[in-house]
N, C-alpha and C. Protein backbone atom coordinates (compact mmCIF):
# COMPACT_ATOMS: atom_id res chain seq x y z
N MET A 1 143.40 -116.07 67.10
CA MET A 1 144.87 -115.50 66.80
C MET A 1 144.72 -115.43 65.27
N THR A 2 145.53 -114.35 64.45
CA THR A 2 145.18 -114.32 63.22
C THR A 2 146.37 -114.86 62.34
N THR A 3 147.08 -114.90 61.33
CA THR A 3 147.89 -115.14 60.40
C THR A 3 148.89 -114.13 60.70
N THR A 4 148.44 -112.70 60.74
CA THR A 4 149.69 -111.57 61.61
C THR A 4 149.80 -111.92 62.74
N ASP A 5 149.45 -112.17 63.68
CA ASP A 5 150.07 -112.55 64.95
C ASP A 5 151.25 -113.33 64.58
N VAL A 6 150.54 -114.69 64.18
CA VAL A 6 152.14 -115.60 63.64
C VAL A 6 153.61 -115.58 63.07
N ALA A 7 152.91 -114.72 61.35
CA ALA A 7 154.00 -114.33 60.78
C ALA A 7 153.97 -112.52 59.97
N ARG A 8 155.09 -112.61 60.34
CA ARG A 8 154.88 -110.96 59.22
C ARG A 8 155.61 -110.98 58.08
N ILE A 9 155.13 -111.49 57.27
CA ILE A 9 155.43 -111.25 55.77
C ILE A 9 156.07 -110.02 55.72
N GLY A 10 157.36 -110.09 54.83
CA GLY A 10 157.50 -108.90 53.80
C GLY A 10 158.14 -108.08 55.12
N ALA A 11 158.27 -108.46 55.93
CA ALA A 11 159.13 -107.88 56.49
C ALA A 11 161.02 -107.13 56.46
N SER A 12 161.65 -106.50 57.18
CA SER A 12 163.16 -106.20 56.42
C SER A 12 163.60 -107.45 56.89
N PRO A 13 164.84 -107.76 56.38
CA PRO A 13 165.40 -108.95 56.53
C PRO A 13 166.20 -109.30 57.71
N LEU A 14 166.52 -110.18 58.50
CA LEU A 14 167.64 -110.48 59.46
C LEU A 14 168.55 -109.56 59.11
N THR A 15 169.28 -109.40 60.32
CA THR A 15 170.13 -108.14 59.81
C THR A 15 171.30 -108.92 60.57
N SER A 16 172.38 -108.46 59.97
CA SER A 16 173.86 -109.52 60.08
C SER A 16 175.04 -108.65 60.59
N CYS A 17 175.96 -109.10 61.29
CA CYS A 17 177.14 -108.34 61.08
C CYS A 17 178.43 -109.66 61.42
N PRO A 18 179.93 -109.53 61.61
CA PRO A 18 180.81 -110.72 61.02
C PRO A 18 180.52 -111.74 62.36
N ARG A 19 179.96 -111.98 63.11
CA ARG A 19 179.44 -112.78 64.03
C ARG A 19 178.40 -113.24 63.62
N SER A 20 177.04 -113.34 63.08
CA SER A 20 176.25 -113.69 62.53
C SER A 20 175.74 -113.80 60.62
N ARG A 21 176.70 -113.42 60.17
CA ARG A 21 177.10 -113.65 58.75
C ARG A 21 177.54 -115.17 58.08
N VAL A 22 177.03 -115.73 57.63
CA VAL A 22 177.56 -116.66 56.71
C VAL A 22 178.56 -116.74 55.97
N LYS A 23 179.55 -117.54 56.09
CA LYS A 23 181.15 -117.30 55.50
C LYS A 23 180.86 -118.57 55.01
N ARG A 24 180.94 -119.77 55.64
CA ARG A 24 181.58 -120.70 54.96
C ARG A 24 180.27 -121.58 54.43
N ALA A 25 180.03 -121.93 52.73
CA ALA A 25 178.90 -122.24 52.05
C ALA A 25 177.84 -120.86 52.25
N ALA A 26 178.50 -120.23 51.77
CA ALA A 26 177.48 -118.62 52.16
C ALA A 26 176.21 -118.48 51.24
N LYS A 27 176.47 -119.18 49.75
CA LYS A 27 175.36 -119.61 48.65
C LYS A 27 174.35 -119.85 49.53
N ARG A 28 174.20 -121.08 50.58
CA ARG A 28 173.15 -121.65 51.37
C ARG A 28 171.99 -120.94 52.18
N ALA A 29 173.23 -119.42 52.32
CA ALA A 29 172.08 -118.82 53.35
C ALA A 29 171.08 -118.00 53.10
N SER A 30 170.37 -117.39 54.17
CA SER A 30 169.17 -116.78 53.72
C SER A 30 168.96 -115.76 55.05
N TYR A 31 168.64 -114.18 54.47
CA TYR A 31 168.34 -113.44 55.72
C TYR A 31 166.96 -113.28 55.84
N ASP A 32 166.00 -113.86 54.99
CA ASP A 32 164.60 -113.54 54.74
C ASP A 32 164.23 -114.04 56.00
N ARG A 33 163.26 -112.92 56.31
CA ARG A 33 162.23 -113.05 57.90
C ARG A 33 161.54 -114.43 57.57
N GLU A 34 160.56 -114.37 56.29
CA GLU A 34 159.63 -114.99 56.76
C GLU A 34 160.18 -117.00 56.34
N THR A 35 161.37 -117.27 55.41
CA THR A 35 161.86 -118.37 55.90
C THR A 35 162.58 -118.60 56.87
N ALA A 36 162.78 -117.86 57.92
CA ALA A 36 163.29 -118.25 58.96
C ALA A 36 162.35 -118.11 60.20
N TYR A 37 161.36 -117.62 60.12
CA TYR A 37 160.20 -117.70 60.89
C TYR A 37 159.60 -119.52 60.76
N ARG A 38 159.47 -119.70 59.39
CA ARG A 38 158.74 -121.27 58.86
C ARG A 38 159.74 -122.24 59.89
N LEU A 39 160.87 -121.91 60.15
CA LEU A 39 161.75 -123.06 60.65
C LEU A 39 161.03 -122.64 62.41
N ILE A 40 161.22 -121.70 63.31
CA ILE A 40 160.74 -121.43 63.84
C ILE A 40 159.36 -121.79 64.65
N ASP A 41 158.22 -121.47 63.61
CA ASP A 41 157.17 -122.16 64.07
C ASP A 41 157.10 -123.72 63.62
N ARG A 42 157.43 -124.44 62.89
CA ARG A 42 157.92 -125.75 62.88
C ARG A 42 158.06 -126.39 63.62
N LEU A 43 159.58 -125.94 64.37
CA LEU A 43 160.24 -126.47 65.37
C LEU A 43 160.16 -126.64 67.09
N LYS A 44 160.05 -125.38 67.45
CA LYS A 44 159.69 -124.61 68.57
C LYS A 44 160.47 -125.14 69.55
N THR A 45 161.63 -125.61 69.04
CA THR A 45 162.50 -126.39 70.28
C THR A 45 163.83 -125.89 69.65
N ALA A 46 164.71 -124.61 70.72
CA ALA A 46 165.92 -124.31 70.81
C ALA A 46 166.57 -124.54 71.34
N HIS A 47 168.25 -124.33 70.67
CA HIS A 47 169.41 -124.32 72.01
C HIS A 47 169.06 -123.17 72.48
N LEU A 48 169.71 -122.51 73.49
CA LEU A 48 169.70 -121.47 74.34
C LEU A 48 170.99 -121.36 74.76
N GLY A 49 172.38 -120.41 74.09
CA GLY A 49 173.08 -120.28 74.43
C GLY A 49 173.70 -119.07 75.35
N PHE A 50 174.60 -119.08 76.48
CA PHE A 50 175.06 -117.92 77.19
C PHE A 50 176.38 -118.02 77.78
N VAL A 51 176.59 -117.43 78.33
CA VAL A 51 178.04 -116.77 78.83
C VAL A 51 177.45 -117.37 80.82
N GLU A 52 177.99 -118.01 81.44
CA GLU A 52 178.11 -117.75 82.75
C GLU A 52 179.52 -118.26 83.33
N GLU A 53 179.61 -117.34 84.15
CA GLU A 53 181.40 -117.48 84.96
C GLU A 53 181.99 -117.71 83.86
N GLY A 54 182.21 -117.16 83.06
CA GLY A 54 183.30 -117.24 82.19
C GLY A 54 183.40 -118.80 81.45
N GLU A 55 182.62 -119.38 81.56
CA GLU A 55 182.33 -120.71 80.99
C GLU A 55 180.65 -120.72 79.63
N PRO A 56 180.90 -121.47 78.49
CA PRO A 56 179.55 -121.25 77.89
C PRO A 56 178.56 -122.57 78.73
N ARG A 57 177.51 -122.31 78.58
CA ARG A 57 176.59 -122.70 78.47
C ARG A 57 175.30 -122.86 77.39
N ILE A 58 174.68 -124.34 76.98
CA ILE A 58 173.37 -124.14 76.31
C ILE A 58 172.89 -125.07 76.86
N ILE A 59 171.43 -124.50 76.48
CA ILE A 59 170.27 -125.02 77.27
C ILE A 59 169.02 -125.53 76.33
N PRO A 60 168.55 -126.61 76.19
CA PRO A 60 167.35 -126.57 75.52
C PRO A 60 166.33 -126.52 75.56
N ILE A 61 165.33 -125.78 74.84
CA ILE A 61 164.17 -124.97 75.61
C ILE A 61 163.42 -124.73 74.67
N THR A 62 161.83 -124.90 74.92
CA THR A 62 160.85 -123.93 73.91
C THR A 62 161.15 -122.73 73.58
N ALA A 63 160.87 -122.74 72.15
CA ALA A 63 160.90 -121.24 72.05
C ALA A 63 159.57 -121.02 71.03
N TRP A 64 159.02 -119.86 71.08
CA TRP A 64 157.89 -119.84 70.09
C TRP A 64 158.07 -118.51 69.51
N ARG A 65 157.20 -117.99 68.51
CA ARG A 65 156.81 -116.85 68.11
C ARG A 65 155.89 -116.21 68.01
N LEU A 66 155.76 -114.68 68.18
CA LEU A 66 154.92 -114.44 68.06
C LEU A 66 155.17 -112.68 67.25
N GLY A 67 154.69 -112.53 66.22
CA GLY A 67 155.20 -111.46 65.70
C GLY A 67 156.55 -111.23 65.26
N ASP A 68 157.36 -110.57 65.33
CA ASP A 68 158.77 -110.50 65.20
C ASP A 68 159.74 -110.66 66.46
N ASP A 69 158.75 -111.50 67.80
CA ASP A 69 159.65 -111.66 68.63
C ASP A 69 159.45 -113.27 68.98
N LEU A 70 160.84 -113.38 70.01
CA LEU A 70 160.26 -114.47 70.16
C LEU A 70 160.27 -115.06 71.49
N PHE A 71 159.83 -116.03 72.54
CA PHE A 71 159.68 -116.00 74.03
C PHE A 71 160.24 -117.70 74.41
N VAL A 72 160.82 -117.82 75.53
CA VAL A 72 160.68 -118.41 75.97
C VAL A 72 160.48 -118.08 77.82
N HIS A 73 160.33 -119.09 78.44
CA HIS A 73 159.68 -118.89 79.85
C HIS A 73 160.86 -120.23 80.65
N THR A 74 160.49 -119.59 82.15
CA THR A 74 160.98 -120.98 83.07
C THR A 74 161.20 -120.28 84.19
N LEU A 75 161.89 -121.23 85.27
CA LEU A 75 161.12 -120.82 86.65
C LEU A 75 161.65 -119.26 86.92
N ASN A 76 160.53 -118.81 87.64
CA ASN A 76 161.04 -117.57 87.98
C ASN A 76 162.04 -117.61 89.23
N GLY A 77 163.12 -116.73 89.19
CA GLY A 77 163.85 -116.68 90.17
C GLY A 77 165.34 -117.69 89.95
N GLY A 78 164.84 -118.50 88.91
CA GLY A 78 166.16 -119.50 89.17
C GLY A 78 167.42 -119.13 88.10
N ARG A 79 168.03 -119.83 87.76
CA ARG A 79 169.25 -119.52 87.71
C ARG A 79 169.58 -119.33 85.93
N LEU A 80 168.45 -119.51 85.48
CA LEU A 80 168.29 -119.29 83.81
C LEU A 80 167.50 -117.57 84.09
N SER A 81 166.41 -117.81 84.72
CA SER A 81 166.10 -116.35 84.63
C SER A 81 166.79 -115.39 85.51
N ARG A 82 167.54 -115.59 85.90
CA ARG A 82 168.36 -114.35 86.72
C ARG A 82 169.28 -113.58 85.50
N ARG A 83 170.05 -115.13 84.47
CA ARG A 83 171.02 -114.88 83.34
C ARG A 83 170.15 -114.01 82.63
N LEU A 84 168.97 -114.41 82.00
CA LEU A 84 168.11 -113.73 80.91
C LEU A 84 167.91 -112.43 80.99
N GLU A 85 167.28 -111.64 82.88
CA GLU A 85 167.02 -110.56 83.22
C GLU A 85 168.41 -109.88 82.94
N SER A 86 169.67 -110.80 83.21
CA SER A 86 170.69 -109.48 83.16
C SER A 86 170.82 -108.80 81.90
N GLY A 87 170.32 -109.17 80.97
CA GLY A 87 170.56 -108.23 79.58
C GLY A 87 171.84 -108.97 78.77
N ALA A 88 171.87 -110.38 79.40
CA ALA A 88 173.23 -110.82 78.13
C ALA A 88 173.08 -110.91 77.10
N LEU A 89 173.97 -111.15 76.23
CA LEU A 89 173.82 -111.62 74.64
C LEU A 89 173.87 -112.74 74.69
N LEU A 90 172.23 -113.22 74.12
CA LEU A 90 172.25 -115.01 73.82
C LEU A 90 172.04 -115.25 72.65
N CYS A 91 172.72 -116.23 72.14
CA CYS A 91 172.93 -117.41 71.13
C CYS A 91 171.62 -118.04 70.95
N ILE A 92 170.61 -118.04 70.39
CA ILE A 92 169.39 -119.30 70.06
C ILE A 92 169.54 -119.60 68.51
N SER A 93 169.98 -121.21 68.63
CA SER A 93 169.61 -121.92 67.35
C SER A 93 168.85 -122.69 67.42
N PHE A 94 168.51 -123.18 66.18
CA PHE A 94 167.07 -124.07 65.79
C PHE A 94 167.71 -124.68 64.29
N ALA A 95 167.32 -126.14 64.65
CA ALA A 95 168.10 -127.11 63.33
C ALA A 95 167.36 -128.47 63.33
N VAL A 96 167.42 -128.99 62.21
CA VAL A 96 166.52 -129.82 61.84
C VAL A 96 167.28 -130.78 61.00
N THR A 97 167.75 -131.74 60.74
CA THR A 97 167.98 -132.37 59.67
C THR A 97 166.84 -133.48 59.07
N ASN A 98 166.84 -133.28 57.72
CA ASN A 98 165.10 -133.77 56.96
C ASN A 98 165.89 -135.39 56.61
N GLU A 99 167.22 -134.88 55.94
CA GLU A 99 167.76 -136.22 54.60
C GLU A 99 169.03 -136.82 54.82
N TRP A 100 169.41 -137.79 55.17
CA TRP A 100 170.84 -138.28 55.07
C TRP A 100 171.52 -138.31 53.45
N VAL A 101 172.22 -137.60 53.46
CA VAL A 101 172.76 -137.72 52.05
C VAL A 101 173.57 -138.73 51.75
N MET A 102 173.56 -139.85 51.04
CA MET A 102 174.58 -140.89 50.72
C MET A 102 175.25 -141.01 49.30
N THR A 103 176.52 -140.70 49.62
CA THR A 103 177.64 -140.69 48.12
C THR A 103 178.23 -141.88 48.06
N LYS A 104 178.71 -142.08 47.14
CA LYS A 104 179.95 -143.44 46.90
C LYS A 104 180.89 -143.44 47.80
N SER A 105 181.95 -141.95 48.26
CA SER A 105 182.83 -142.16 49.02
C SER A 105 182.25 -141.32 50.50
N ALA A 106 183.13 -142.44 51.45
CA ALA A 106 182.82 -141.61 52.71
C ALA A 106 182.94 -140.49 52.80
N PHE A 107 183.81 -139.83 52.40
CA PHE A 107 183.53 -138.14 52.46
C PHE A 107 183.01 -137.31 51.93
N ASN A 108 182.29 -137.73 51.17
CA ASN A 108 180.96 -136.79 50.76
C ASN A 108 179.70 -136.93 50.85
N HIS A 109 179.87 -138.22 51.71
CA HIS A 109 178.40 -138.01 53.29
C HIS A 109 177.68 -136.63 53.16
N SER A 110 176.73 -136.57 53.36
CA SER A 110 175.98 -135.13 53.86
C SER A 110 174.84 -135.58 54.46
N ALA A 111 174.05 -134.17 54.74
CA ALA A 111 172.78 -133.84 55.36
C ALA A 111 171.92 -133.20 54.42
N ASN A 112 170.70 -133.15 54.63
CA ASN A 112 169.84 -132.05 53.80
C ASN A 112 168.75 -131.56 54.95
N TYR A 113 169.42 -130.12 55.50
CA TYR A 113 168.91 -129.77 56.41
C TYR A 113 168.48 -128.27 56.62
N GLU A 114 167.82 -127.61 57.84
CA GLU A 114 167.32 -126.04 57.92
C GLU A 114 168.36 -126.12 59.66
N SER A 115 168.78 -125.02 59.45
CA SER A 115 169.58 -124.17 60.80
C SER A 115 169.41 -123.28 60.71
N LEU A 116 168.63 -121.99 61.69
CA LEU A 116 169.04 -120.60 61.94
C LEU A 116 169.69 -120.68 63.28
N VAL A 117 170.50 -119.17 63.24
CA VAL A 117 171.26 -118.84 64.22
C VAL A 117 170.34 -117.28 64.77
N LEU A 118 170.25 -117.14 65.96
CA LEU A 118 170.10 -115.71 66.33
C LEU A 118 170.90 -115.12 66.95
N PHE A 119 170.55 -113.83 67.31
CA PHE A 119 171.37 -113.03 68.53
C PHE A 119 170.20 -112.12 68.97
N GLY A 120 170.37 -112.10 70.20
CA GLY A 120 169.89 -111.22 70.99
C GLY A 120 169.72 -110.85 72.24
N ARG A 121 168.88 -110.14 73.23
CA ARG A 121 168.75 -110.06 74.60
C ARG A 121 167.41 -110.00 74.75
N ALA A 122 167.36 -110.74 76.07
CA ALA A 122 166.05 -110.84 76.75
C ALA A 122 165.20 -109.61 77.13
N VAL A 123 163.88 -109.42 77.27
CA VAL A 123 163.16 -108.40 78.09
C VAL A 123 162.03 -109.47 79.21
N PRO A 124 162.10 -108.96 80.05
CA PRO A 124 161.02 -110.30 80.94
C PRO A 124 159.45 -109.05 80.38
N VAL A 125 158.67 -110.14 80.24
CA VAL A 125 156.87 -109.93 80.16
C VAL A 125 156.55 -109.82 81.63
N THR A 126 156.27 -108.39 82.21
CA THR A 126 155.56 -108.23 83.08
C THR A 126 153.95 -107.88 83.04
N ASP A 127 153.61 -107.69 82.36
CA ASP A 127 152.22 -106.91 81.86
C ASP A 127 151.53 -108.66 81.69
N ASP A 128 150.42 -108.68 82.49
CA ASP A 128 149.28 -109.79 82.46
C ASP A 128 149.01 -109.97 81.44
N ALA A 129 148.59 -108.87 80.53
CA ALA A 129 148.04 -109.09 78.96
C ALA A 129 148.89 -109.69 77.98
N ASP A 130 150.22 -109.19 78.13
CA ASP A 130 151.21 -109.55 77.17
C ASP A 130 151.15 -110.81 77.72
N PHE A 131 151.85 -111.64 78.67
CA PHE A 131 151.52 -112.62 79.30
C PHE A 131 150.60 -113.40 78.68
N ASP A 132 149.70 -113.64 78.77
CA ASP A 132 148.36 -114.02 78.61
C ASP A 132 148.71 -114.10 76.68
N ALA A 133 149.15 -113.51 76.19
CA ALA A 133 149.00 -113.53 74.78
C ALA A 133 150.44 -114.44 74.46
N ALA A 134 151.19 -114.29 74.80
CA ALA A 134 152.26 -115.11 74.30
C ALA A 134 151.79 -116.55 74.89
N PHE A 135 151.39 -116.79 75.51
CA PHE A 135 151.17 -118.13 75.97
C PHE A 135 149.65 -118.87 74.64
N ARG A 136 148.47 -117.81 75.15
CA ARG A 136 148.08 -118.06 73.94
C ARG A 136 148.61 -118.63 72.63
N ALA A 137 149.32 -117.79 72.30
CA ALA A 137 149.60 -117.64 70.95
C ALA A 137 150.27 -119.20 70.63
N ILE A 138 151.11 -119.94 71.66
CA ILE A 138 151.91 -120.98 71.61
C ILE A 138 150.72 -122.29 71.59
N ILE A 139 149.97 -121.97 72.82
CA ILE A 139 148.53 -123.41 72.71
C ILE A 139 148.20 -123.17 71.54
N ASN A 140 147.76 -122.21 71.08
CA ASN A 140 146.56 -121.75 69.91
C ASN A 140 147.45 -122.71 68.58
N GLN A 141 148.87 -122.28 68.91
CA GLN A 141 149.80 -122.32 67.27
C GLN A 141 149.92 -123.97 67.35
N ILE A 142 150.05 -124.65 68.45
CA ILE A 142 150.02 -126.30 68.74
C ILE A 142 148.69 -126.69 68.74
N GLU A 143 147.58 -126.56 68.69
CA GLU A 143 145.89 -126.86 68.62
C GLU A 143 145.08 -125.58 68.35
N PRO A 144 144.68 -124.93 67.15
CA PRO A 144 144.11 -123.94 67.63
C PRO A 144 142.39 -123.84 67.88
N GLY A 145 142.65 -123.44 68.64
CA GLY A 145 141.29 -122.71 69.42
C GLY A 145 141.08 -123.06 71.16
N ARG A 146 142.31 -123.96 71.30
CA ARG A 146 142.79 -124.39 72.49
C ARG A 146 142.75 -123.62 73.62
N TRP A 147 143.35 -122.21 73.90
CA TRP A 147 143.33 -121.92 74.38
C TRP A 147 142.14 -121.04 74.99
N GLU A 148 140.94 -120.91 74.15
CA GLU A 148 139.59 -120.61 74.59
C GLU A 148 139.11 -121.98 75.56
N GLN A 149 139.79 -123.16 75.74
CA GLN A 149 138.80 -123.86 76.25
C GLN A 149 139.53 -124.73 77.42
N VAL A 150 140.71 -123.92 77.45
CA VAL A 150 141.19 -124.02 79.10
C VAL A 150 141.52 -123.41 79.99
N ARG A 151 141.78 -123.57 80.86
CA ARG A 151 141.60 -122.37 82.07
C ARG A 151 142.91 -121.75 82.21
N ALA A 152 143.03 -120.16 81.85
CA ALA A 152 143.93 -119.27 82.23
C ALA A 152 144.84 -119.21 82.91
N PRO A 153 146.00 -119.06 83.24
CA PRO A 153 146.99 -119.23 84.47
C PRO A 153 146.13 -118.36 85.72
N ASN A 154 146.63 -119.13 86.68
CA ASN A 154 146.06 -118.40 87.88
C ASN A 154 147.32 -117.23 88.35
N ASP A 155 147.21 -116.50 89.63
CA ASP A 155 147.97 -115.55 90.46
C ASP A 155 149.29 -116.77 90.85
N LYS A 156 149.44 -117.79 90.95
CA LYS A 156 150.20 -118.78 91.63
C LYS A 156 151.33 -119.18 90.60
N GLU A 157 150.30 -119.56 89.70
CA GLU A 157 151.41 -120.07 88.27
C GLU A 157 152.06 -118.65 87.66
N ARG A 158 151.44 -117.12 87.60
CA ARG A 158 152.15 -116.39 87.18
C ARG A 158 153.67 -116.08 87.67
N LYS A 159 152.80 -115.90 89.45
CA LYS A 159 154.11 -115.52 89.87
C LYS A 159 155.76 -116.88 89.83
N ALA A 160 155.44 -117.95 89.62
CA ALA A 160 156.32 -119.02 89.49
C ALA A 160 156.95 -118.70 87.71
N THR A 161 156.51 -118.16 87.27
CA THR A 161 156.76 -118.25 85.93
C THR A 161 157.50 -116.91 85.12
N ALA A 162 158.61 -117.09 85.13
CA ALA A 162 159.54 -116.10 84.22
C ALA A 162 159.41 -116.22 82.46
N LEU A 163 158.56 -115.37 82.28
CA LEU A 163 158.46 -114.85 80.41
C LEU A 163 159.34 -114.22 79.86
N PHE A 164 159.96 -114.86 79.20
CA PHE A 164 160.85 -113.45 78.37
C PHE A 164 160.73 -113.68 76.57
N ARG A 165 160.89 -112.15 76.71
CA ARG A 165 160.93 -111.70 74.99
C ARG A 165 161.92 -111.38 74.18
N ILE A 166 162.74 -112.21 73.30
CA ILE A 166 163.51 -112.22 72.39
C ILE A 166 163.40 -111.32 71.62
N PRO A 167 163.28 -110.02 71.11
CA PRO A 167 163.17 -109.57 69.38
C PRO A 167 164.36 -110.01 68.43
N ILE A 168 163.58 -111.06 67.35
CA ILE A 168 164.02 -110.97 66.32
C ILE A 168 164.47 -110.34 65.48
N GLU A 169 166.45 -110.16 65.19
CA GLU A 169 166.56 -109.00 64.74
C GLU A 169 167.94 -109.32 63.84
N GLU A 170 168.78 -110.25 64.72
CA GLU A 170 169.93 -110.45 63.98
C GLU A 170 169.93 -111.83 63.70
N GLY A 171 170.82 -111.92 62.46
CA GLY A 171 170.89 -113.69 62.63
C GLY A 171 171.04 -113.99 61.39
N ALA A 172 170.97 -115.75 61.07
CA ALA A 172 171.35 -116.21 59.58
C ALA A 172 170.31 -117.81 59.54
N PHE A 173 169.59 -117.83 58.79
CA PHE A 173 169.98 -119.07 57.83
C PHE A 173 170.37 -119.96 56.88
N LYS A 174 170.18 -121.03 57.95
CA LYS A 174 171.13 -122.04 56.53
C LYS A 174 170.40 -123.27 56.28
N SER A 175 170.91 -123.66 54.86
CA SER A 175 170.33 -125.17 54.47
C SER A 175 170.78 -125.44 53.49
N ARG A 176 170.51 -127.01 53.23
CA ARG A 176 171.01 -127.91 52.08
C ARG A 176 169.80 -128.56 51.56
N THR A 177 169.85 -128.79 50.34
CA THR A 177 168.71 -129.38 49.83
C THR A 177 169.21 -130.28 48.48
N GLY A 178 169.10 -131.18 48.16
CA GLY A 178 169.29 -132.20 47.05
C GLY A 178 170.05 -133.16 46.79
N GLY A 179 170.81 -133.78 45.99
CA GLY A 179 171.18 -135.51 46.02
C GLY A 179 172.72 -135.06 46.38
N PRO A 180 173.43 -136.67 45.95
CA PRO A 180 174.46 -136.65 46.61
C PRO A 180 175.77 -135.52 45.49
N ASN A 181 176.86 -135.04 45.90
CA ASN A 181 177.49 -134.60 45.24
C ASN A 181 179.28 -135.64 44.82
N ASP A 182 178.76 -136.83 43.95
CA ASP A 182 180.08 -137.15 44.08
C ASP A 182 181.05 -136.90 43.02
N ASP A 183 182.07 -137.29 43.52
CA ASP A 183 183.49 -137.23 42.18
C ASP A 183 183.33 -138.04 41.40
N PRO A 184 183.52 -137.32 39.83
CA PRO A 184 183.68 -138.29 38.85
C PRO A 184 184.31 -139.27 38.95
N GLU A 185 185.03 -139.59 39.70
CA GLU A 185 186.04 -140.85 39.51
C GLU A 185 185.54 -142.11 40.34
N ASP A 186 184.17 -141.58 41.19
CA ASP A 186 184.02 -142.69 41.78
C ASP A 186 182.18 -143.03 41.51
N MET A 187 181.96 -142.62 39.86
CA MET A 187 180.92 -142.67 39.75
C MET A 187 180.58 -144.12 39.27
N ALA A 188 181.61 -144.89 38.91
CA ALA A 188 181.73 -146.28 38.45
C ALA A 188 181.52 -147.59 39.85
N LEU A 189 182.15 -146.90 40.87
CA LEU A 189 182.15 -147.86 41.84
C LEU A 189 180.25 -148.18 42.15
N PRO A 190 179.93 -149.78 42.52
CA PRO A 190 178.85 -150.45 42.81
C PRO A 190 178.13 -150.20 43.60
N VAL A 191 178.14 -149.16 44.11
CA VAL A 191 177.34 -148.77 45.57
C VAL A 191 176.38 -148.07 45.06
N TRP A 192 174.99 -148.18 45.61
CA TRP A 192 173.31 -147.05 45.88
C TRP A 192 174.18 -145.54 46.51
N HIS A 193 173.71 -144.18 45.57
CA HIS A 193 173.81 -143.39 46.16
C HIS A 193 172.35 -142.38 45.75
N GLY A 194 172.63 -141.74 46.96
CA GLY A 194 171.01 -140.91 46.77
C GLY A 194 170.63 -140.28 48.16
N THR A 195 169.71 -140.27 48.53
CA THR A 195 168.93 -139.44 49.84
C THR A 195 168.09 -140.37 50.78
N LEU A 196 167.92 -140.55 52.08
CA LEU A 196 167.52 -141.03 52.98
C LEU A 196 166.83 -140.07 54.26
N PRO A 197 165.38 -140.45 54.26
CA PRO A 197 164.59 -139.60 55.31
C PRO A 197 165.67 -139.62 56.64
N ALA A 198 165.77 -139.12 57.01
CA ALA A 198 165.83 -138.84 58.55
C ALA A 198 165.46 -139.39 59.67
N ARG A 199 165.75 -140.42 60.24
CA ARG A 199 164.81 -141.46 61.30
C ARG A 199 165.49 -141.04 62.43
N GLY A 200 164.54 -141.06 63.59
CA GLY A 200 165.14 -141.14 64.80
C GLY A 200 165.16 -142.66 65.37
N ASP A 201 165.14 -143.70 64.73
CA ASP A 201 165.13 -144.94 65.16
C ASP A 201 166.45 -145.55 64.96
N VAL A 202 166.89 -144.74 64.38
CA VAL A 202 168.79 -145.14 63.97
C VAL A 202 169.64 -145.04 64.88
């Protein structure tokens, strides 16, 4: 797997329309593909949103990138695979909190984060070579060279797995970095302010 397989730097920006354009704190938004791709490649865990029987559904799912396409997989013939096969519009989000921003007032506490929201439609991957290329990508992204060491999927495993490609076309990245934004009148309060690493044990 080459670098080109993982990232296509310098490609056109993500497209946006009223549903995907960042309006609140728009200065924190980016439509740059390289920025968006770094978050996808780092996390590989997304929340996949869709509408089923008139009700919203959001499913945590492994999602990875090869070139300008996002890939997800699920049980072949299952509820999710049928929804993806329908070509319905999907909303896919990635998000991570990097730091907690601690301020001298309760109201101004915040977080330093990175987030990405994409919109797209899934396309089934049915060709065996494309199937293998997609799974080779994620396995080698996790551990370089591992695909060449392990057994490739067999016919039974291929039949049980529904793989989908979602072209990365429309969406927006948004982030916050930096320290606290305290009100001037609060600066004299005898309380520490600054940033704390986000931890999963609190």
